[in-house]
Amino acid sequence: MLRIDALRAVYDRLEHLVVVTIMGAVAAELQSLGHRPNFFYLQHAMGLASSMGLGIALTKPDTQVVVFDGDGSVLMNLGGLTTLARYRPKNLVHVVFDNESLLSVGGFPTATSTGSDLAAIAAAAGIPRTGAVRTIAEFTKAFDEALSAGALTTLVAKVDAVGPAQFVTDLSLLENRFQFQRYLKST
């Protein structure tokens, strides 16, 4: 499964949700589908997308928050999973695209390429709903279930180690920050 195809499959569901992405391929591919003011591309903060999503979910409990993360980022901040589990916001869906590599910074293999199981790690950390998927149909079904579950979910989507030609967005970082801030204030 390609990450861009997974994003494309759920893109229409993101219109009224708060969406935070990690840097690199995830951000570039989501933006390539069409930027929205409710999208925040977290740049230069590898490992912290789930933390930012947690903060938003806790301060806006009536707003659905989706975090699109990567395996390298989650592995860089495994403590983020235990913090998510501690607070358990019911309005947060944490999607981890696991391509078993640090694709955006050269393609070096991550620990998931040698057997580390992020869904199992998330479950062991105490996250109430976890799962792993490998196909677009499985991803779409699991994503929809997570949105309607009313419980913190970490969904690991195994994807091919293929990304865009460039791993940057063409939106000014400051403009994205201010636009996203305005969106959050309006919800």
Foldseek 3Di string as FASTA:
>chain_A
DAPLLLCVLCVVVCQQAQEEEEFFQNVASNVVVPDDLSYAYDYPPQQCQLVVQVVLCVVCVVGAYEYEYEPVSCVVCVVSLLVCQVVWRLRYEYEYEYQQAPLRVPGHGDVVVVPDDPQVSSVVSRFPAEEEDEDSVVSSVVVVCSNPVSTYYYYYYYHHSDGDPHRHHPDDNVVSVVSNVVVSVVD
